[in-house]
Protein backbone atom coordinates (compact mmCIF):
# COMPACT_ATOMS: atom_id res chain seq x y z
CA UNK A 1 -44.37 -39.51 25.27
CA UNK A 2 -46.71 -37.42 23.13
CA UNK A 3 -45.65 -34.13 21.57
CA UNK A 4 -48.26 -32.29 23.65
CA UNK A 5 -46.95 -33.80 26.91
CA UNK A 6 -43.34 -32.93 25.95
CA UNK A 7 -44.51 -29.38 25.16
CA UNK A 8 -46.22 -28.98 28.56
CA UNK A 9 -43.24 -30.37 30.48
CA UNK A 10 -40.82 -28.08 28.63
CA UNK A 11 -42.98 -25.01 29.30
CA UNK A 12 -43.24 -25.87 33.02
CA UNK A 13 -39.45 -26.06 33.27
CA UNK A 14 -38.95 -22.75 31.43
CA UNK A 15 -41.48 -20.99 33.67
CA UNK A 16 -39.14 -21.42 36.69
CA UNK A 17 -36.60 -18.77 35.73
CA UNK A 18 -35.45 -15.57 37.44
CA UNK A 19 -36.89 -12.24 36.24
CA UNK A 20 -34.41 -9.80 34.66
CA UNK A 21 -33.80 -6.37 36.13
CA UNK A 22 -33.73 -3.37 33.77
CA UNK A 23 -30.04 -3.92 32.97
CA UNK A 24 -30.15 -7.70 32.46
CA UNK A 25 -31.00 -10.29 29.83
CA UNK A 26 -31.55 -13.85 31.06
CA UNK A 27 -30.86 -16.64 28.61
CA UNK A 28 -30.06 -20.30 28.14
CA UNK A 29 -28.26 -22.07 25.31
CA UNK A 30 -28.56 -25.63 24.04
CA UNK A 31 -24.81 -26.17 24.51
CA UNK A 32 -24.48 -24.33 27.84
CA UNK A 33 -22.02 -21.78 26.42
CA UNK A 34 -21.93 -18.17 27.56
CA UNK A 35 -22.87 -15.55 24.99
CA UNK A 36 -21.28 -12.15 24.53
CA UNK A 37 -24.19 -9.78 23.86
CA UNK A 38 -21.84 -6.79 23.47
CA UNK A 39 -22.73 -4.76 20.42
CA UNK A 40 -26.29 -6.05 20.02
CA UNK A 41 -27.97 -3.77 22.52
CA UNK A 42 -27.63 -0.21 23.70
CA UNK A 43 -25.46 -1.14 26.71
CA UNK A 44 -22.08 -2.72 27.34
CA UNK A 45 -22.17 -6.16 28.92
CA UNK A 46 -20.21 -6.15 32.18
CA UNK A 47 -20.80 -9.71 33.44
CA UNK A 48 -22.32 -13.15 32.88
CA UNK A 49 -23.46 -15.12 35.92
CA UNK A 50 -24.63 -18.73 35.78
CA UNK A 51 -27.69 -19.34 37.98
CA UNK A 52 -28.79 -22.96 37.75
CA UNK A 53 -29.45 -23.69 34.07
CA UNK A 54 -29.72 -20.00 33.17
CA UNK A 55 -27.21 -17.26 32.48
CA UNK A 56 -27.76 -13.64 33.53
CA UNK A 57 -26.03 -11.09 31.33
CA UNK A 58 -25.68 -7.75 33.13
CA UNK A 59 -25.14 -4.45 31.32
CA UNK A 60 -23.90 -1.02 32.36
CA UNK A 61 -27.30 0.62 31.70
CA UNK A 62 -30.95 -0.14 31.03
CA UNK A 63 -31.46 -2.40 28.05
CA UNK A 64 -33.92 -0.73 25.66
CA UNK A 65 -32.95 -1.92 22.14
CA UNK A 66 -31.87 -5.22 20.61
CA UNK A 67 -30.03 -5.07 17.29
CA UNK A 68 -28.97 -7.92 14.97
CA UNK A 69 -27.56 -10.88 16.92
CA UNK A 70 -25.21 -13.04 14.87
CA UNK A 71 -23.46 -14.97 17.63
CA UNK A 72 -24.33 -18.31 19.22
CA UNK A 73 -27.13 -19.85 17.18
CA UNK A 74 -27.84 -22.38 19.94
CA UNK A 75 -29.71 -19.93 22.12
CA UNK A 76 -32.97 -21.60 23.26
CA UNK A 77 -34.41 -19.25 25.86
CA UNK A 78 -34.25 -15.47 26.19
CA UNK A 79 -35.98 -13.11 28.62
CA UNK A 80 -35.83 -9.34 28.10
CA UNK A 81 -36.53 -6.67 30.76
CA UNK A 82 -39.59 -4.41 30.59
CA UNK A 83 -37.38 -1.54 29.42
CA UNK A 84 -36.48 -3.36 26.17
CA UNK A 85 -38.97 -2.01 23.66
CA UNK A 86 -37.31 -2.17 20.24
CA UNK A 87 -36.29 -5.35 18.43
CA UNK A 88 -34.54 -4.36 15.24
CA UNK A 89 -34.73 -6.02 11.85
CA UNK A 90 -33.24 -9.55 12.03
CA UNK A 91 -32.64 -9.25 15.81
CA UNK A 92 -32.66 -13.04 16.38
CA UNK A 93 -33.23 -14.24 12.83
CA UNK A 94 -30.34 -16.74 12.88
CA UNK A 95 -31.33 -18.29 16.22
CA UNK A 96 -33.39 -21.21 14.94
CA UNK A 97 -33.36 -23.08 18.26
CA UNK A 98 -35.23 -20.51 20.34
CA UNK A 99 -37.96 -22.33 22.22
CA UNK A 100 -39.11 -19.45 24.40
CA UNK A 101 -38.81 -15.66 24.23
CA UNK A 102 -40.25 -13.35 26.89
CA UNK A 103 -40.82 -9.69 26.03
CA UNK A 104 -41.84 -7.87 29.21
CA UNK A 105 -42.35 -4.36 27.77
CA UNK A 106 -45.86 -2.90 27.84
CA UNK A 107 -45.29 -1.48 24.36
CA UNK A 108 -42.74 -2.79 21.89
CA UNK A 109 -41.95 -2.89 18.21
CA UNK A 110 -40.81 -6.03 16.37
CA UNK A 111 -38.84 -5.45 13.18
CA UNK A 112 -38.77 -7.64 10.05
CA UNK A 113 -37.47 -11.17 10.66
CA UNK A 114 -36.59 -10.51 14.32
CA UNK A 115 -37.94 -13.93 15.37
CA UNK A 116 -38.69 -15.42 11.96
CA UNK A 117 -37.54 -19.04 12.29
CA UNK A 118 -38.58 -21.61 14.89
CA UNK A 119 -37.50 -25.23 14.43
CA UNK A 120 -39.16 -26.69 17.50
CA UNK A 121 -41.92 -26.11 19.99
CA UNK A 122 -41.85 -22.37 20.58
CA UNK A 123 -43.66 -19.84 22.70
CA UNK A 124 -43.37 -16.07 22.79
CA UNK A 125 -44.72 -14.39 25.91
CA UNK A 126 -45.79 -10.77 25.44
CA UNK A 127 -46.67 -8.69 28.50
CA UNK A 128 -48.22 -5.90 26.44
CA UNK A 129 -51.95 -5.52 27.11
CA UNK A 130 -52.30 -3.73 23.77
CA UNK A 131 -51.03 -5.88 20.86
CA UNK A 132 -47.58 -4.59 19.86
CA UNK A 133 -46.69 -3.43 16.36
CA UNK A 134 -45.16 -6.27 14.40
CA UNK A 135 -43.72 -6.11 10.91
CA UNK A 136 -45.30 -8.64 8.53
CA UNK A 137 -42.29 -10.98 8.59
CA UNK A 138 -41.30 -10.53 12.23
CA UNK A 139 -42.43 -13.78 13.90
CA UNK A 140 -42.41 -17.31 12.47
CA UNK A 141 -42.60 -16.05 8.90
CA UNK A 142 -40.15 -18.46 7.28
CA UNK A 143 -42.09 -21.13 5.30
CA UNK A 144 -39.92 -23.86 6.87
CA UNK A 145 -40.71 -22.56 10.37
CA UNK A 146 -43.43 -23.46 12.82
CA UNK A 147 -45.52 -20.55 14.05
CA UNK A 148 -44.91 -20.04 17.75
CA UNK A 149 -47.61 -19.98 20.41
CA UNK A 150 -48.22 -16.40 21.56
CA UNK A 151 -48.91 -16.05 25.30
CA UNK A 152 -50.55 -12.78 26.38
CA UNK A 153 -51.87 -11.23 29.61
CA UNK A 154 -55.12 -12.56 31.03
CA UNK A 155 -58.11 -10.89 29.39
CA UNK A 156 -56.15 -9.78 26.29
CA UNK A 157 -56.48 -12.78 23.95
CA UNK A 158 -59.41 -11.32 22.00
CA UNK A 159 -57.54 -8.06 21.40
CA UNK A 160 -54.60 -10.01 19.95
CA UNK A 161 -56.80 -12.32 17.87
CA UNK A 162 -58.64 -9.31 16.42
CA UNK A 163 -55.42 -7.39 15.74
CA UNK A 164 -54.19 -7.38 12.16
CA UNK A 165 -50.67 -7.91 13.57
CA UNK A 166 -51.44 -11.15 15.43
CA UNK A 167 -54.44 -12.72 13.68
CA UNK A 168 -53.69 -16.29 12.62
CA UNK A 169 -51.46 -17.13 15.59
CA UNK A 170 -52.35 -19.55 18.37
CA UNK A 171 -53.03 -17.05 21.18
CA UNK A 172 -53.23 -18.24 24.79
CA UNK A 173 -53.61 -16.27 28.02
CA UNK A 174 -51.20 -16.37 30.95
CA UNK A 175 -52.51 -18.40 33.84
């Protein structure tokens, strides 16, 4: 099976996930283990629920900020609610196995090294119609890393390609 076919099949599977509410983060790990997100965001995690292959972490309030995550490095999929607008420096820097990250906020800020290393096929989906501010080393900046595919809203690819923040990335539009 070609790399491109494996990439398409993986992306089709990851597109069949639930959508987080404002107080949830949906994720999946390579080893199937539950993650304790307490301390990395502005809320307190109150539950983890397994739904098919995915885990829904529920918090006591709207999730708006993600700080440095140093826990399970096997995280491979993460989906943040539209209220989550700030990804601090090194937010997911140690999570080398992330294959897909979805940032639903219309406007967000990505700090240094927040998604800097990708070891496999990776895609970041950004719902922002205006290209978000990104620190120079925020996404796929490690020399040993592959640059992820950046998926953006339909009609916004040119804005991203012409943005100093996102020029040089493989930009595709949502279908």
